[in-house]
Amino acid sequence: MPRISLFLACVAACLAAAWPVRADNPLRIALVSEVTSIQPGQSFYVGLHLQHPQGYHTYWKFPGIVGVPTGAKWTLPEGFTAGPIEWPEPQRVFMYQIAAQGYHDEVMLPIRITPPKDLKPGTMVKLAAKASWMCCGQDCNPGFQDLTLELPVKEVVPAKDERWQKLFQIAHQTVPGKLEGWQVSAKREGDHVQLRLTAQTEAAQQQCARIKDATFFTEDGFINADKEQHFAKPKPGVITIALIVSEYATNPNAKQFAGVIRTPQGWAPDARSHSVSVVLPLLP
C-alpha cells in the first residue's frame, strides 16, 4: 500500500475509534550521535532517539495495514551523505484493535553518515534533518520536527558518547541478520502461505528444540500484519508459520515476498540474534 494510503488508513481508523489528534505530540524525539567527534572521510552513526510514553508506539519501515514509518529528510553540509535508517527488529503494536509493526518504549534508529575526506580538523559541522512520524496510543498523532546536531572535526579516532552507547549497541545488535543453519521455504495455496523452517545443522536443531514461538513481520506488505499467525512444530527440527496474503498487497500475484522472522528464544545458540531477514520465492 502506498505511504499516503497508509497515512489515510491510520487517520481513518483513529476517527473510527473517536480518538482526537493532540495539539502536543506525545513522542519525544532527538537527533544524537554515537561519537563525540568525527574524522575526515570516516563514516559514523547518528540516530533518531525515540521516547514513547507508556501505551504509545511509532512504526517500523513497513507498518502493516495502518500507520506511517518514521523518517528523516536531511540537510547536510556539502560532501556529506546519509544512508537509510538501519531498522532494529520490529515489535507487534496495536493501533485501536489493528495489529501493526513498530516500536514501544525507548528506541534508537541508527543512520550512517559519511563525511568528505577534505574536512578540516578544528572546525564544526552541523547536521540537520526534518523528522516525520506517526505516534499512536489513546490518540493518533502525526508529527514533524526540525532536528539539528553539531559535531567537532578532529584528527583522532572519535570516542563513543557514553550517553548513547548502550542504545546504539542494542540497535546495531538487533538489526535483523541472515538466517544460518536453516532451510527456509514458503508455499502458497490461495490466500494462505505456509512458511517452513528446517534445521540443517546440529546447532540449529538444538535451537529449534528451545524455540516456543515465532512471528513474521512483512517488509513489503504481501502478508497481512493484522491477521492471526499460527506457529507449529510438526516434527523435531521443523517450524511452520501459517500466514495470510494481504488484500492490500501492491502485487497480490507476486512470486516472492520479504520480511523478518522473530523469535524470543533467538536463532543462534547464544540467543543474541532474535530476528532474521528473509526473501522467499513462493512455491505453488
Protein backbone atom coordinates (compact mmCIF):
# COMPACT_ATOMS: atom_id res chain seq x y z
CA MET A 1 0.00 0.00 0.00
CA PRO A 2 1.45 3.44 -0.87
CA ARG A 3 2.59 5.58 2.06
CA ILE A 4 -0.22 8.12 1.61
CA SER A 5 -2.76 5.28 1.76
CA LEU A 6 -1.17 4.06 4.98
CA PHE A 7 -1.45 7.55 6.42
CA LEU A 8 -5.10 7.86 5.44
CA ALA A 9 -5.85 4.40 6.77
CA CYS A 10 -4.29 5.30 10.11
CA VAL A 11 -6.19 8.59 10.35
CA ALA A 12 -9.44 6.89 9.31
CA ALA A 13 -9.02 4.23 11.96
CA CYS A 14 -8.37 6.90 14.58
CA LEU A 15 -11.54 8.72 13.58
CA ALA A 16 -13.49 5.47 13.62
CA ALA A 17 -12.28 4.93 17.17
CA ALA A 18 -13.30 8.51 18.06
CA TRP A 19 -9.71 9.38 19.02
CA PRO A 20 -8.64 13.01 18.88
CA VAL A 21 -5.39 14.22 17.39
CA ARG A 22 -3.47 16.06 20.09
CA ALA A 23 -2.03 19.52 19.62
CA ASP A 24 1.12 18.47 21.55
CA ASN A 25 2.75 15.31 20.21
CA PRO A 26 3.40 12.65 22.87
CA LEU A 27 6.62 11.39 21.22
CA ARG A 28 9.95 12.80 22.38
CA ILE A 29 12.48 12.71 19.54
CA ALA A 30 16.08 13.91 19.23
CA LEU A 31 18.98 13.63 16.80
CA VAL A 32 22.04 12.26 18.65
CA SER A 33 25.49 10.95 17.74
CA GLU A 34 27.21 7.67 18.61
CA VAL A 35 30.55 9.53 18.72
CA THR A 36 31.77 12.75 20.30
CA SER A 37 33.70 13.93 17.22
CA ILE A 38 34.22 12.95 13.57
CA GLN A 39 37.20 12.31 11.28
CA PRO A 40 37.52 13.41 7.65
CA GLY A 41 36.24 10.69 5.31
CA GLN A 42 35.35 8.25 8.12
CA SER A 43 31.73 7.12 8.43
CA PHE A 44 29.95 7.40 11.77
CA TYR A 45 26.46 6.85 13.12
CA VAL A 46 23.84 9.27 14.28
CA GLY A 47 20.44 8.17 15.47
CA LEU A 48 16.85 9.22 15.90
CA HIS A 49 16.30 8.75 19.63
CA LEU A 50 12.62 7.98 20.24
CA GLN A 51 10.97 8.01 23.67
CA HIS A 52 7.38 6.77 23.69
CA PRO A 53 5.08 7.39 26.65
CA GLN A 54 3.53 4.26 28.12
CA GLY A 55 0.80 2.97 25.83
CA TYR A 56 2.13 4.72 22.69
CA HIS A 57 4.07 3.47 19.69
CA THR A 58 5.57 4.56 16.38
CA TYR A 59 6.02 2.46 13.24
CA TRP A 60 8.68 0.29 11.58
CA LYS A 61 9.82 0.75 7.96
CA PHE A 62 6.68 -1.13 6.85
CA PRO A 63 3.93 -0.53 9.42
CA GLY A 64 1.40 -3.08 8.17
CA ILE A 65 -2.08 -2.07 7.05
CA VAL A 66 -2.08 1.10 9.21
CA GLY A 67 0.50 3.65 10.21
CA VAL A 68 3.36 5.66 8.70
CA PRO A 69 7.06 4.81 9.17
CA THR A 70 9.35 7.24 10.95
CA GLY A 71 11.53 9.14 8.50
CA ALA A 72 14.19 11.84 8.16
CA LYS A 73 14.78 14.29 5.31
CA TRP A 74 18.36 15.52 5.53
CA THR A 75 20.02 18.89 5.01
CA LEU A 76 23.74 18.17 5.17
CA PRO A 77 26.93 20.15 4.57
CA GLU A 78 28.49 19.83 1.12
CA GLY A 79 30.10 16.44 0.55
CA PHE A 80 28.20 14.63 3.32
CA THR A 81 25.92 11.67 2.58
CA ALA A 82 23.35 9.91 4.76
CA GLY A 83 22.39 6.26 4.45
CA PRO A 84 18.94 4.81 5.17
CA ILE A 85 17.68 4.09 8.65
CA GLU A 86 19.15 0.75 9.76
CA TRP A 87 15.97 -0.52 11.37
CA PRO A 88 16.23 -2.58 14.58
CA GLU A 89 13.91 -5.57 14.81
CA PRO A 90 10.23 -4.56 14.92
CA GLN A 91 7.68 -5.32 17.61
CA ARG A 92 3.98 -6.12 17.40
CA VAL A 93 1.99 -2.95 18.19
CA PHE A 94 -1.73 -2.21 18.18
CA MET A 95 -3.48 0.82 16.75
CA TYR A 96 -7.01 0.52 18.12
CA GLN A 97 -7.65 -3.22 17.51
CA ILE A 98 -5.40 -3.46 14.45
CA ALA A 99 -2.08 -5.30 14.75
CA ALA A 100 0.80 -3.36 13.18
CA GLN A 101 4.60 -3.28 13.21
CA GLY A 102 6.53 -0.72 15.21
CA TYR A 103 8.22 0.25 18.46
CA HIS A 104 7.35 0.90 22.11
CA ASP A 105 9.30 2.48 24.97
CA GLU A 106 12.79 3.85 24.14
CA VAL A 107 14.48 3.04 20.84
CA MET A 108 17.38 4.26 18.69
CA LEU A 109 17.12 4.29 14.89
CA PRO A 110 20.73 4.37 13.56
CA ILE A 111 21.76 6.16 10.37
CA ARG A 112 25.26 6.04 8.84
CA ILE A 113 26.71 9.42 7.86
CA THR A 114 29.77 9.68 5.60
CA PRO A 115 31.70 12.99 5.59
CA PRO A 116 34.04 14.12 2.80
CA LYS A 117 37.78 13.49 3.02
CA ASP A 118 38.68 17.19 2.82
CA LEU A 119 37.09 18.23 6.14
CA LYS A 120 39.36 20.48 8.17
CA PRO A 121 40.16 19.37 11.75
CA GLY A 122 39.33 22.07 14.27
CA THR A 123 36.07 23.03 12.56
CA MET A 124 32.46 22.25 13.49
CA VAL A 125 29.83 20.66 11.27
CA LYS A 126 26.07 20.98 11.59
CA LEU A 127 23.73 18.17 10.55
CA ALA A 128 20.03 18.92 10.11
CA ALA A 129 17.03 16.71 9.44
CA LYS A 130 13.27 17.12 9.33
CA ALA A 131 11.89 14.11 11.16
CA SER A 132 8.41 12.75 10.48
CA TRP A 133 6.43 10.11 12.35
CA MET A 134 3.07 8.82 13.49
CA CYS A 135 2.67 8.19 17.22
CA CYS A 136 -0.46 6.31 18.28
CA GLY A 137 -1.92 5.19 21.58
CA GLN A 138 -5.01 6.60 23.25
CA ASP A 139 -4.97 9.06 20.37
CA CYS A 140 -3.23 9.24 16.98
CA ASN A 141 -0.59 11.88 16.32
CA PRO A 142 1.27 12.66 13.11
CA GLY A 143 4.39 14.67 13.85
CA PHE A 144 7.14 16.71 12.18
CA GLN A 145 10.16 18.30 13.84
CA ASP A 146 13.36 20.04 12.70
CA LEU A 147 16.36 18.41 14.38
CA THR A 148 19.99 19.59 14.43
CA LEU A 149 23.29 18.25 15.71
CA GLU A 150 26.75 19.89 15.82
CA LEU A 151 29.97 17.86 15.96
CA PRO A 152 33.66 18.86 16.03
CA VAL A 153 36.08 17.59 13.37
CA LYS A 154 39.24 16.04 14.83
CA GLU A 155 42.19 14.02 13.51
CA VAL A 156 41.99 11.44 16.32
CA VAL A 157 39.77 8.36 16.32
CA PRO A 158 36.47 9.51 17.89
CA ALA A 159 35.36 8.34 21.31
CA LYS A 160 31.93 6.84 21.88
CA ASP A 161 29.40 9.12 23.51
CA GLU A 162 28.64 7.32 26.77
CA ARG A 163 25.16 8.84 26.98
CA TRP A 164 24.01 6.89 23.93
CA GLN A 165 26.43 3.97 23.74
CA LYS A 166 24.08 1.34 25.20
CA LEU A 167 21.13 2.31 22.98
CA PHE A 168 23.29 2.30 19.84
CA GLN A 169 24.73 -1.08 20.82
CA ILE A 170 21.24 -2.54 21.24
CA ALA A 171 20.13 -1.05 17.92
CA HIS A 172 23.12 -2.43 16.00
CA GLN A 173 22.77 -5.87 17.56
CA THR A 174 19.05 -6.14 16.82
CA VAL A 175 19.16 -5.17 13.14
CA PRO A 176 17.90 -8.43 11.55
CA GLY A 177 20.70 -10.52 10.06
CA LYS A 178 20.92 -13.63 7.90
CA LEU A 179 19.48 -16.97 8.97
CA GLU A 180 22.27 -19.54 9.12
CA GLY A 181 21.95 -23.27 9.58
CA TRP A 182 18.31 -23.40 8.46
CA GLN A 183 16.49 -24.06 5.20
CA VAL A 184 13.51 -21.77 4.64
CA SER A 185 10.70 -22.19 2.11
CA ALA A 186 7.23 -20.77 1.51
CA LYS A 187 4.28 -22.43 -0.18
CA ARG A 188 1.12 -20.62 -1.26
CA GLU A 189 -2.39 -22.05 -1.50
CA GLY A 190 -4.96 -19.38 -2.34
CA ASP A 191 -4.66 -16.58 0.21
CA HIS A 192 -2.70 -18.76 2.62
CA VAL A 193 1.09 -19.07 2.82
CA GLN A 194 2.93 -21.65 4.90
CA LEU A 195 6.42 -20.64 5.95
CA ARG A 196 8.59 -23.68 6.73
CA LEU A 197 11.94 -23.61 8.52
CA THR A 198 14.02 -26.78 8.71
CA ALA A 199 17.13 -27.04 10.90
CA GLN A 200 20.16 -28.12 8.83
CA THR A 201 22.88 -28.22 11.47
CA GLU A 202 23.17 -29.73 14.92
CA ALA A 203 23.29 -26.25 16.47
CA ALA A 204 20.10 -25.26 14.61
CA GLN A 205 18.37 -28.47 15.71
CA GLN A 206 19.26 -27.74 19.33
CA GLN A 207 17.98 -24.20 18.98
CA CYS A 208 14.79 -25.44 17.31
CA ALA A 209 14.08 -27.54 20.40
CA ARG A 210 14.23 -24.34 22.51
CA ILE A 211 12.05 -22.18 20.24
CA LYS A 212 8.48 -21.86 21.52
CA ASP A 213 7.11 -19.13 19.26
CA ALA A 214 7.97 -17.07 16.17
CA THR A 215 6.38 -14.12 14.37
CA PHE A 216 6.71 -12.95 10.77
CA PHE A 217 6.88 -9.21 10.06
CA THR A 218 6.11 -8.21 6.48
CA GLU A 219 8.66 -5.97 4.79
CA ASP A 220 6.77 -5.44 1.53
CA GLY A 221 3.09 -5.68 2.52
CA PHE A 222 2.48 -9.04 0.83
CA ILE A 223 1.49 -10.65 4.14
CA ASN A 224 -1.32 -9.11 6.24
CA ALA A 225 0.20 -8.00 9.54
CA ASP A 226 -3.26 -7.81 11.15
CA LYS A 227 -4.21 -11.44 10.56
CA GLU A 228 -3.51 -14.13 13.14
CA GLN A 229 -0.41 -16.25 12.53
CA HIS A 230 -0.21 -19.91 13.51
CA PHE A 231 3.08 -21.25 14.83
CA ALA A 232 3.66 -25.01 14.90
CA LYS A 233 6.44 -27.60 15.25
CA PRO A 234 5.10 -30.57 13.26
CA LYS A 235 8.21 -32.66 13.94
CA PRO A 236 11.66 -32.27 15.53
CA GLY A 237 13.80 -29.75 13.70
CA VAL A 238 10.90 -28.19 11.77
CA ILE A 239 8.96 -24.96 12.39
CA THR A 240 5.96 -23.74 10.39
CA ILE A 241 4.19 -20.38 10.46
CA ALA A 242 0.81 -20.04 8.69
CA LEU A 243 0.30 -16.58 7.13
CA ILE A 244 -2.43 -14.73 5.20
CA VAL A 245 -1.85 -12.75 2.00
CA SER A 246 -2.88 -9.11 2.43
CA GLU A 247 -5.86 -7.79 0.49
CA TYR A 248 -3.88 -4.53 0.31
CA ALA A 249 -0.79 -6.11 -1.30
CA THR A 250 0.59 -3.98 -4.14
CA ASN A 251 1.27 -7.15 -6.13
CA PRO A 252 -1.06 -9.93 -4.90
CA ASN A 253 0.37 -12.30 -7.53
CA ALA A 254 4.00 -11.78 -6.51
CA LYS A 255 6.37 -14.69 -6.95
CA GLN A 256 8.36 -13.81 -3.83
CA PHE A 257 8.00 -11.83 -0.64
CA ALA A 258 10.25 -10.39 2.06
CA GLY A 259 10.15 -9.94 5.80
CA VAL A 260 11.64 -10.56 9.21
CA ILE A 261 11.17 -13.65 11.35
CA ARG A 262 11.49 -13.03 15.08
CA THR A 263 11.57 -15.49 17.95
CA PRO A 264 12.01 -14.51 21.62
CA GLN A 265 14.24 -17.56 22.07
CA GLY A 266 16.70 -16.44 19.37
CA TRP A 267 18.02 -18.06 16.17
CA ALA A 268 21.55 -18.69 17.42
CA PRO A 269 22.78 -20.82 20.35
CA ASP A 270 23.77 -17.68 22.29
CA ALA A 271 20.22 -16.27 21.67
CA ARG A 272 21.66 -12.82 20.80
CA SER A 273 20.05 -12.84 17.35
CA HIS A 274 16.27 -12.77 17.75
CA SER A 275 15.37 -11.61 14.22
CA VAL A 276 16.48 -12.54 10.72
CA SER A 277 15.65 -11.09 7.30
CA VAL A 278 14.40 -13.39 4.54
CA VAL A 279 13.44 -13.02 0.88
CA LEU A 280 11.46 -16.08 -0.18
CA PRO A 281 10.25 -17.41 -3.51
CA LEU A 282 6.67 -18.66 -3.39
CA LEU A 283 6.27 -22.32 -4.26
CA PRO A 284 2.97 -23.26 -5.98
